């Protein structure tokens, strides 16, 4: 391991983070359908989308509910609080 010298007046770069899901724009009562992509399993999609909504909700004090939508071939997520 090599440790560099201490430097001063180095600015922190701006974070270019993009939300993959529309959780920040959703109001209570809104829902969004996240559809399957080619070769993707409905249950693996739910295992990705559900925890992502729950994690965002935990960080912001909002609540979401994710359920399989067999008719729409995806996972529907509602903002409930």
PDB file of N, CA and C in Angstrom:
ATOM      1  N   UNK A   1       0.845  -1.163   0.000  1.00  0.00           N
ATOM      2  CA  UNK A   1       0.000   0.000   0.000  1.00  0.00           C
ATOM      3  C   UNK A   1       0.895   1.233   0.000  1.00  0.00           C
ATOM      4  N   UNK A   2       0.474   2.226  -0.780  1.00  0.00           N
ATOM      5  CA  UNK A   2       1.209   3.485  -0.828  1.00  0.00           C
ATOM      6  C   UNK A   2       0.258   4.603  -0.427  1.00  0.00           C
ATOM      7  N   UNK A   3       0.627   5.370   0.567  1.00  0.00           N
ATOM      8  CA  UNK A   3      -0.195   6.477   1.035  1.00  0.00           C
ATOM      9  C   UNK A   3       0.412   7.768   0.521  1.00  0.00           C
ATOM     10  N   UNK A   4      -0.432   8.596  -0.119  1.00  0.00           N
ATOM     11  CA  UNK A   4       0.034   9.849  -0.688  1.00  0.00           C
ATOM     12  C   UNK A   4       0.196  10.938   0.351  1.00  0.00           C
ATOM     13  N   UNK A   5       0.636  12.087  -0.116  1.00  0.00           N
ATOM     14  CA  UNK A   5       0.826  13.250   0.746  1.00  0.00           C
ATOM     15  C   UNK A   5      -0.514  13.892   1.076  1.00  0.00           C
ATOM     16  N   UNK A   6      -0.583  14.600   2.178  1.00  0.00           N
ATOM     17  CA  UNK A   6      -1.780  15.346   2.542  1.00  0.00           C
ATOM     18  C   UNK A   6      -1.839  16.583   1.657  1.00  0.00           C
ATOM     19  N   UNK A   7      -3.006  16.812   1.060  1.00  0.00           N
ATOM     20  CA  UNK A   7      -3.186  17.958   0.161  1.00  0.00           C
ATOM     21  C   UNK A   7      -4.330  18.820   0.677  1.00  0.00           C
ATOM     22  N   UNK A   8      -4.256  20.106   0.427  1.00  0.00           N
ATOM     23  CA  UNK A   8      -5.303  21.025   0.852  1.00  0.00           C
ATOM     24  C   UNK A   8      -5.909  21.705  -0.370  1.00  0.00           C
ATOM     25  N   UNK A   9      -7.107  22.245  -0.163  1.00  0.00           N
ATOM     26  CA  UNK A   9      -7.840  23.006  -1.187  1.00  0.00           C
ATOM     27  C   UNK A   9      -8.138  22.179  -2.444  1.00  0.00           C
ATOM     28  N   UNK A  10      -8.414  20.897  -2.254  1.00  0.00           N
ATOM     29  CA  UNK A  10      -8.852  20.039  -3.349  1.00  0.00           C
ATOM     30  C   UNK A  10     -10.370  19.946  -3.221  1.00  0.00           C
ATOM     31  N   UNK A  11     -11.097  20.408  -4.242  1.00  0.00           N
ATOM     32  CA  UNK A  11     -12.560  20.400  -4.191  1.00  0.00           C
ATOM     33  C   UNK A  11     -13.108  18.993  -4.394  1.00  0.00           C
ATOM     34  N   UNK A  12     -14.219  18.739  -3.699  1.00  0.00           N
ATOM     35  CA  UNK A  12     -14.918  17.469  -3.872  1.00  0.00           C
ATOM     36  C   UNK A  12     -15.730  17.558  -5.154  1.00  0.00           C
ATOM     37  N   UNK A  13     -15.605  16.582  -6.055  1.00  0.00           N
ATOM     38  CA  UNK A  13     -16.372  16.638  -7.299  1.00  0.00           C
ATOM     39  C   UNK A  13     -17.865  16.475  -7.047  1.00  0.00           C
ATOM     40  N   UNK A  14     -18.677  17.075  -7.909  1.00  0.00           N
ATOM     41  CA  UNK A  14     -20.130  16.961  -7.806  1.00  0.00           C
ATOM     42  C   UNK A  14     -20.546  15.519  -8.072  1.00  0.00           C
ATOM     43  N   UNK A  15     -21.563  15.080  -7.342  1.00  0.00           N
ATOM     44  CA  UNK A  15     -22.071  13.729  -7.532  1.00  0.00           C
ATOM     45  C   UNK A  15     -23.118  13.754  -8.631  1.00  0.00           C
ATOM     46  N   UNK A  16     -22.948  12.908  -9.610  1.00  0.00           N
ATOM     47  CA  UNK A  16     -23.902  12.824 -10.715  1.00  0.00           C
ATOM     48  C   UNK A  16     -24.740  11.563 -10.567  1.00  0.00           C
ATOM     49  N   UNK A  17     -25.508  11.522  -9.499  1.00  0.00           N
ATOM     50  CA  UNK A  17     -26.331  10.356  -9.223  1.00  0.00           C
ATOM     51  C   UNK A  17     -27.686  10.509  -9.888  1.00  0.00           C
ATOM     52  N   UNK A  18     -28.128   9.474 -10.569  1.00  0.00           N
ATOM     53  CA  UNK A  18     -29.443   9.480 -11.200  1.00  0.00           C
ATOM     54  C   UNK A  18     -30.291   8.407 -10.530  1.00  0.00           C
ATOM     55  N   UNK A  19     -31.534   8.757 -10.254  1.00  0.00           N
ATOM     56  CA  UNK A  19     -32.448   7.765  -9.711  1.00  0.00           C
ATOM     57  C   UNK A  19     -32.926   6.871 -10.842  1.00  0.00           C
ATOM     58  N   UNK A  20     -32.812   5.592 -10.648  1.00  0.00           N
ATOM     59  CA  UNK A  20     -33.260   4.633 -11.643  1.00  0.00           C
ATOM     60  C   UNK A  20     -34.788   4.565 -11.665  1.00  0.00           C
ATOM     61  N   UNK A  21     -35.392   4.749 -10.517  1.00  0.00           N
ATOM     62  CA  UNK A  21     -36.840   4.646 -10.378  1.00  0.00           C
ATOM     63  C   UNK A  21     -37.427   6.025 -10.074  1.00  0.00           C
ATOM     64  N   UNK A  22     -38.727   6.232 -10.330  1.00  0.00           N
ATOM     65  CA  UNK A  22     -39.335   7.563 -10.134  1.00  0.00           C
ATOM     66  C   UNK A  22     -39.853   7.819  -8.729  1.00  0.00           C
ATOM     67  N   UNK A  23     -39.268   7.196  -7.714  1.00  0.00           N
ATOM     68  CA  UNK A  23     -39.782   7.341  -6.351  1.00  0.00           C
ATOM     69  C   UNK A  23     -39.890   8.802  -5.909  1.00  0.00           C
ATOM     70  N   UNK A  24     -38.905   9.665  -6.176  1.00  0.00           N
ATOM     71  CA  UNK A  24     -38.998  11.048  -5.671  1.00  0.00           C
ATOM     72  C   UNK A  24     -40.175  11.839  -6.246  1.00  0.00           C
ATOM     73  N   UNK A  25     -40.608  11.516  -7.456  1.00  0.00           N
ATOM     74  CA  UNK A  25     -41.693  12.268  -8.089  1.00  0.00           C
ATOM     75  C   UNK A  25     -43.081  11.765  -7.694  1.00  0.00           C
ATOM     76  N   UNK A  26     -43.158  10.633  -7.025  1.00  0.00           N
ATOM     77  CA  UNK A  26     -44.453  10.028  -6.723  1.00  0.00           C
ATOM     78  C   UNK A  26     -45.114  10.671  -5.516  1.00  0.00           C
ATOM     79  N   UNK A  27     -46.423  10.903  -5.633  1.00  0.00           N
ATOM     80  CA  UNK A  27     -47.250  11.411  -4.544  1.00  0.00           C
ATOM     81  C   UNK A  27     -48.047  10.236  -3.971  1.00  0.00           C
ATOM     82  N   UNK A  28     -48.618  10.417  -2.781  1.00  0.00           N
ATOM     83  CA  UNK A  28     -49.437   9.378  -2.169  1.00  0.00           C
ATOM     84  C   UNK A  28     -50.594   9.040  -3.114  1.00  0.00           C
ATOM     85  N   UNK A  29     -50.791   7.755  -3.376  1.00  0.00           N
ATOM     86  CA  UNK A  29     -51.842   7.293  -4.286  1.00  0.00           C
ATOM     87  C   UNK A  29     -51.346   7.024  -5.696  1.00  0.00           C
ATOM     88  N   UNK A  30     -50.158   7.521  -6.051  1.00  0.00           N
ATOM     89  CA  UNK A  30     -49.586   7.268  -7.377  1.00  0.00           C
ATOM     90  C   UNK A  30     -49.050   5.845  -7.447  1.00  0.00           C
ATOM     91  N   UNK A  31     -49.013   5.306  -8.672  1.00  0.00           N
ATOM     92  CA  UNK A  31     -48.387   4.004  -8.875  1.00  0.00           C
ATOM     93  C   UNK A  31     -47.614   4.023 -10.180  1.00  0.00           C
ATOM     94  N   UNK A  32     -46.684   3.096 -10.297  1.00  0.00           N
ATOM     95  CA  UNK A  32     -45.892   2.970 -11.519  1.00  0.00           C
ATOM     96  C   UNK A  32     -45.722   1.483 -11.808  1.00  0.00           C
ATOM     97  N   UNK A  33     -45.780   1.121 -13.086  1.00  0.00           N
ATOM     98  CA  UNK A  33     -45.573  -0.257 -13.502  1.00  0.00           C
ATOM     99  C   UNK A  33     -44.159  -0.376 -14.053  1.00  0.00           C
ATOM    100  N   UNK A  34     -43.364  -1.229 -13.439  1.00  0.00           N
ATOM    101  CA  UNK A  34     -42.011  -1.512 -13.911  1.00  0.00           C
ATOM    102  C   UNK A  34     -42.110  -2.825 -14.672  1.00  0.00           C
ATOM    103  N   UNK A  35     -41.961  -2.756 -15.998  1.00  0.00           N
ATOM    104  CA  UNK A  35     -42.175  -3.924 -16.837  1.00  0.00           C
ATOM    105  C   UNK A  35     -40.913  -4.743 -17.031  1.00  0.00           C
ATOM    106  N   UNK A  36     -41.142  -6.013 -17.335  1.00  0.00           N
ATOM    107  CA  UNK A  36     -40.049  -6.945 -17.595  1.00  0.00           C
ATOM    108  C   UNK A  36     -39.292  -6.571 -18.858  1.00  0.00           C
ATOM    109  N   UNK A  37     -38.025  -6.886 -18.876  1.00  0.00           N
ATOM    110  CA  UNK A  37     -37.231  -6.785 -20.092  1.00  0.00           C
ATOM    111  C   UNK A  37     -37.034  -8.194 -20.636  1.00  0.00           C
ATOM    112  N   UNK A  38     -36.584  -8.297 -21.844  1.00  0.00           N
ATOM    113  CA  UNK A  38     -36.387  -9.581 -22.501  1.00  0.00           C
ATOM    114  C   UNK A  38     -35.518 -10.513 -21.656  1.00  0.00           C
ATOM    115  N   UNK A  39     -36.015 -11.718 -21.382  1.00  0.00           N
ATOM    116  CA  UNK A  39     -35.248 -12.714 -20.650  1.00  0.00           C
ATOM    117  C   UNK A  39     -35.230 -12.546 -19.148  1.00  0.00           C
ATOM    118  N   UNK A  40     -35.968 -11.583 -18.620  1.00  0.00           N
ATOM    119  CA  UNK A  40     -35.973 -11.319 -17.180  1.00  0.00           C
ATOM    120  C   UNK A  40     -37.151 -12.048 -16.526  1.00  0.00           C
ATOM    121  N   UNK A  41     -36.952 -12.551 -15.342  1.00  0.00           N
ATOM    122  CA  UNK A  41     -37.993 -13.247 -14.596  1.00  0.00           C
ATOM    123  C   UNK A  41     -38.821 -12.242 -13.802  1.00  0.00           C
ATOM    124  N   UNK A  42     -40.126 -12.498 -13.739  1.00  0.00           N
ATOM    125  CA  UNK A  42     -41.029 -11.628 -12.991  1.00  0.00           C
ATOM    126  C   UNK A  42     -40.641 -11.579 -11.516  1.00  0.00           C
ATOM    127  N   UNK A  43     -40.266 -12.719 -10.958  1.00  0.00           N
ATOM    128  CA  UNK A  43     -39.912 -12.768  -9.537  1.00  0.00           C
ATOM    129  C   UNK A  43     -38.563 -12.111  -9.259  1.00  0.00           C
ATOM    130  N   UNK A  44     -37.627 -12.211 -10.188  1.00  0.00           N
ATOM    131  CA  UNK A  44     -36.339 -11.528  -9.972  1.00  0.00           C
ATOM    132  C   UNK A  44     -36.526 -10.016 -10.078  1.00  0.00           C
ATOM    133  N   UNK A  45     -37.448  -9.584 -10.942  1.00  0.00           N
ATOM    134  CA  UNK A  45     -37.748  -8.150 -11.035  1.00  0.00           C
ATOM    135  C   UNK A  45     -38.336  -7.656  -9.720  1.00  0.00           C
ATOM    136  N   UNK A  46     -39.249  -8.421  -9.127  1.00  0.00           N
ATOM    137  CA  UNK A  46     -39.847  -8.020  -7.856  1.00  0.00           C
ATOM    138  C   UNK A  46     -38.795  -7.970  -6.750  1.00  0.00           C
ATOM    139  N   UNK A  47     -37.830  -8.885  -6.798  1.00  0.00           N
ATOM    140  CA  UNK A  47     -36.765  -8.885  -5.788  1.00  0.00           C
ATOM    141  C   UNK A  47     -35.834  -7.675  -5.927  1.00  0.00           C
ATOM    142  N   UNK A  48     -35.829  -7.025  -7.094  1.00  0.00           N
ATOM    143  CA  UNK A  48     -35.031  -5.806  -7.274  1.00  0.00           C
ATOM    144  C   UNK A  48     -35.846  -4.561  -6.945  1.00  0.00           C
ATOM    145  N   UNK A  49     -37.062  -4.491  -7.497  1.00  0.00           N
ATOM    146  CA  UNK A  49     -37.865  -3.275  -7.398  1.00  0.00           C
ATOM    147  C   UNK A  49     -38.419  -3.058  -5.990  1.00  0.00           C
ATOM    148  N   UNK A  50     -38.940  -4.118  -5.371  1.00  0.00           N
ATOM    149  CA  UNK A  50     -39.515  -3.990  -4.031  1.00  0.00           C
ATOM    150  C   UNK A  50     -38.529  -3.452  -3.014  1.00  0.00           C
ATOM    151  N   UNK A  51     -37.349  -4.065  -2.892  1.00  0.00           N
ATOM    152  CA  UNK A  51     -36.364  -3.535  -1.943  1.00  0.00           C
ATOM    153  C   UNK A  51     -35.865  -2.130  -2.286  1.00  0.00           C
ATOM    154  N   UNK A  52     -35.800  -1.801  -3.572  1.00  0.00           N
ATOM    155  CA  UNK A  52     -35.366  -0.447  -3.961  1.00  0.00           C
ATOM    156  C   UNK A  52     -36.361   0.588  -3.464  1.00  0.00           C
ATOM    157  N   UNK A  53     -37.660   0.299  -3.613  1.00  0.00           N
ATOM    158  CA  UNK A  53     -38.692   1.218  -3.133  1.00  0.00           C
ATOM    159  C   UNK A  53     -38.677   1.307  -1.612  1.00  0.00           C
ATOM    160  N   UNK A  54     -38.516   0.169  -0.960  1.00  0.00           N
ATOM    161  CA  UNK A  54     -38.479   0.144   0.506  1.00  0.00           C
ATOM    162  C   UNK A  54     -37.268   0.913   1.031  1.00  0.00           C
ATOM    163  N   UNK A  55     -36.115   0.741   0.412  1.00  0.00           N
ATOM    164  CA  UNK A  55     -34.899   1.445   0.826  1.00  0.00           C
ATOM    165  C   UNK A  55     -35.081   2.957   0.678  1.00  0.00           C
ATOM    166  N   UNK A  56     -35.611   3.387  -0.469  1.00  0.00           N
ATOM    167  CA  UNK A  56     -35.849   4.815  -0.679  1.00  0.00           C
ATOM    168  C   UNK A  56     -36.836   5.336   0.368  1.00  0.00           C
ATOM    169  N   UNK A  57     -37.881   4.557   0.633  1.00  0.00           N
ATOM    170  CA  UNK A  57     -38.880   4.961   1.620  1.00  0.00           C
ATOM    171  C   UNK A  57     -38.293   5.086   3.014  1.00  0.00           C
ATOM    172  N   UNK A  58     -37.434   4.152   3.382  1.00  0.00           N
ATOM    173  CA  UNK A  58     -36.789   4.215   4.700  1.00  0.00           C
ATOM    174  C   UNK A  58     -35.940   5.466   4.846  1.00  0.00           C
ATOM    175  N   UNK A  59     -35.275   5.871   3.779  1.00  0.00           N
ATOM    176  CA  UNK A  59     -34.398   7.044   3.824  1.00  0.00           C
ATOM    177  C   UNK A  59     -35.175   8.353   3.833  1.00  0.00           C
ATOM    178  N   UNK A  60     -36.417   8.340   3.302  1.00  0.00           N
ATOM    179  CA  UNK A  60     -37.165   9.585   3.146  1.00  0.00           C
ATOM    180  C   UNK A  60     -38.429   9.660   3.993  1.00  0.00           C
ATOM    181  N   UNK A  61     -38.749   8.582   4.714  1.00  0.00           N
ATOM    182  CA  UNK A  61     -39.960   8.581   5.530  1.00  0.00           C
ATOM    183  C   UNK A  61     -41.223   8.320   4.733  1.00  0.00           C
ATOM    184  N   UNK A  62     -41.104   7.831   3.519  1.00  0.00           N
ATOM    185  CA  UNK A  62     -42.254   7.508   2.675  1.00  0.00           C
ATOM    186  C   UNK A  62     -42.456   6.002   2.681  1.00  0.00           C
ATOM    187  N   UNK A  63     -43.665   5.552   2.299  1.00  0.00           N
ATOM    188  CA  UNK A  63     -43.929   4.116   2.253  1.00  0.00           C
ATOM    189  C   UNK A  63     -44.433   3.721   0.878  1.00  0.00           C
ATOM    190  N   UNK A  64     -43.979   2.552   0.433  1.00  0.00           N
ATOM    191  CA  UNK A  64     -44.345   2.019  -0.873  1.00  0.00           C
ATOM    192  C   UNK A  64     -44.816   0.581  -0.726  1.00  0.00           C
ATOM    193  N   UNK A  65     -45.647   0.142  -1.660  1.00  0.00           N
ATOM    194  CA  UNK A  65     -46.121  -1.242  -1.708  1.00  0.00           C
ATOM    195  C   UNK A  65     -45.887  -1.750  -3.116  1.00  0.00           C
ATOM    196  N   UNK A  66     -45.196  -2.893  -3.250  1.00  0.00           N
ATOM    197  CA  UNK A  66     -44.897  -3.479  -4.554  1.00  0.00           C
ATOM    198  C   UNK A  66     -45.586  -4.830  -4.673  1.00  0.00           C
ATOM    199  N   UNK A  67     -46.313  -5.021  -5.777  1.00  0.00           N
ATOM    200  CA  UNK A  67     -46.997  -6.285  -6.035  1.00  0.00           C
ATOM    201  C   UNK A  67     -46.769  -6.710  -7.477  1.00  0.00           C
ATOM    202  N   UNK A  68     -46.778  -8.014  -7.708  1.00  0.00           N
ATOM    203  CA  UNK A  68     -46.667  -8.533  -9.072  1.00  0.00           C
ATOM    204  C   UNK A  68     -47.898  -8.130  -9.866  1.00  0.00           C
ATOM    205  N   UNK A  69     -47.714  -7.746 -11.102  1.00  0.00           N
ATOM    206  CA  UNK A  69     -48.812  -7.413 -12.010  1.00  0.00           C
ATOM    207  C   UNK A  69     -48.703  -8.357 -13.201  1.00  0.00           C
ATOM    208  N   UNK A  70     -49.399  -9.493 -13.106  1.00  0.00           N
ATOM    209  CA  UNK A  70     -49.297 -10.519 -14.155  1.00  0.00           C
ATOM    210  C   UNK A  70     -49.860 -10.012 -15.478  1.00  0.00           C
ATOM    211  N   UNK A  71     -50.907  -9.185 -15.438  1.00  0.00           N
ATOM    212  CA  UNK A  71     -51.496  -8.650 -16.675  1.00  0.00           C
ATOM    213  C   UNK A  71     -50.552  -7.692 -17.385  1.00  0.00           C
ATOM    214  N   UNK A  72     -49.842  -6.900 -16.618  1.00  0.00           N
ATOM    215  CA  UNK A  72     -48.931  -5.926 -17.201  1.00  0.00           C
ATOM    216  C   UNK A  72     -47.524  -6.440 -17.386  1.00  0.00           C
ATOM    217  N   UNK A  73     -47.283  -7.710 -17.026  1.00  0.00           N
ATOM    218  CA  UNK A  73     -45.947  -8.303 -17.128  1.00  0.00           C
ATOM    219  C   UNK A  73     -44.895  -7.481 -16.401  1.00  0.00           C
ATOM    220  N   UNK A  74     -45.152  -7.216 -15.134  1.00  0.00           N
ATOM    221  CA  UNK A  74     -44.179  -6.447 -14.365  1.00  0.00           C
ATOM    222  C   UNK A  74     -44.547  -6.370 -12.903  1.00  0.00           C
ATOM    223  N   UNK A  75     -44.003  -5.363 -12.258  1.00  0.00           N
ATOM    224  CA  UNK A  75     -44.249  -5.108 -10.845  1.00  0.00           C
ATOM    225  C   UNK A  75     -44.831  -3.710 -10.723  1.00  0.00           C
ATOM    226  N   UNK A  76     -45.975  -3.616 -10.055  1.00  0.00           N
ATOM    227  CA  UNK A  76     -46.588  -2.306  -9.845  1.00  0.00           C
ATOM    228  C   UNK A  76     -46.248  -1.852  -8.429  1.00  0.00           C
ATOM    229  N   UNK A  77     -45.816  -0.591  -8.323  1.00  0.00           N
ATOM    230  CA  UNK A  77     -45.424  -0.014  -7.031  1.00  0.00           C
ATOM    231  C   UNK A  77     -46.308   1.189  -6.757  1.00  0.00           C
ATOM    232  N   UNK A  78     -46.919   1.197  -5.578  1.00  0.00           N
ATOM    233  CA  UNK A  78     -47.746   2.300  -5.136  1.00  0.00           C
ATOM    234  C   UNK A  78     -47.049   3.052  -4.022  1.00  0.00           C
ATOM    235  N   UNK A  79     -47.224   4.362  -4.006  1.00  0.00           N
ATOM    236  CA  UNK A  79     -46.790   5.129  -2.819  1.00  0.00           C
ATOM    237  C   UNK A  79     -48.003   5.200  -1.925  1.00  0.00           C
ATOM    238  N   UNK A  80     -47.869   4.680  -0.696  1.00  0.00           N
ATOM    239  CA  UNK A  80     -49.019   4.608   0.201  1.00  0.00           C
ATOM    240  C   UNK A  80     -48.958   5.611   1.355  1.00  0.00           C
ATOM    241  N   UNK A  81     -47.816   6.176   1.631  1.00  0.00           N
ATOM    242  CA  UNK A  81     -47.691   7.224   2.661  1.00  0.00           C
ATOM    243  C   UNK A  81     -46.620   8.208   2.259  1.00  0.00           C
TER     244      UNK A  81
END
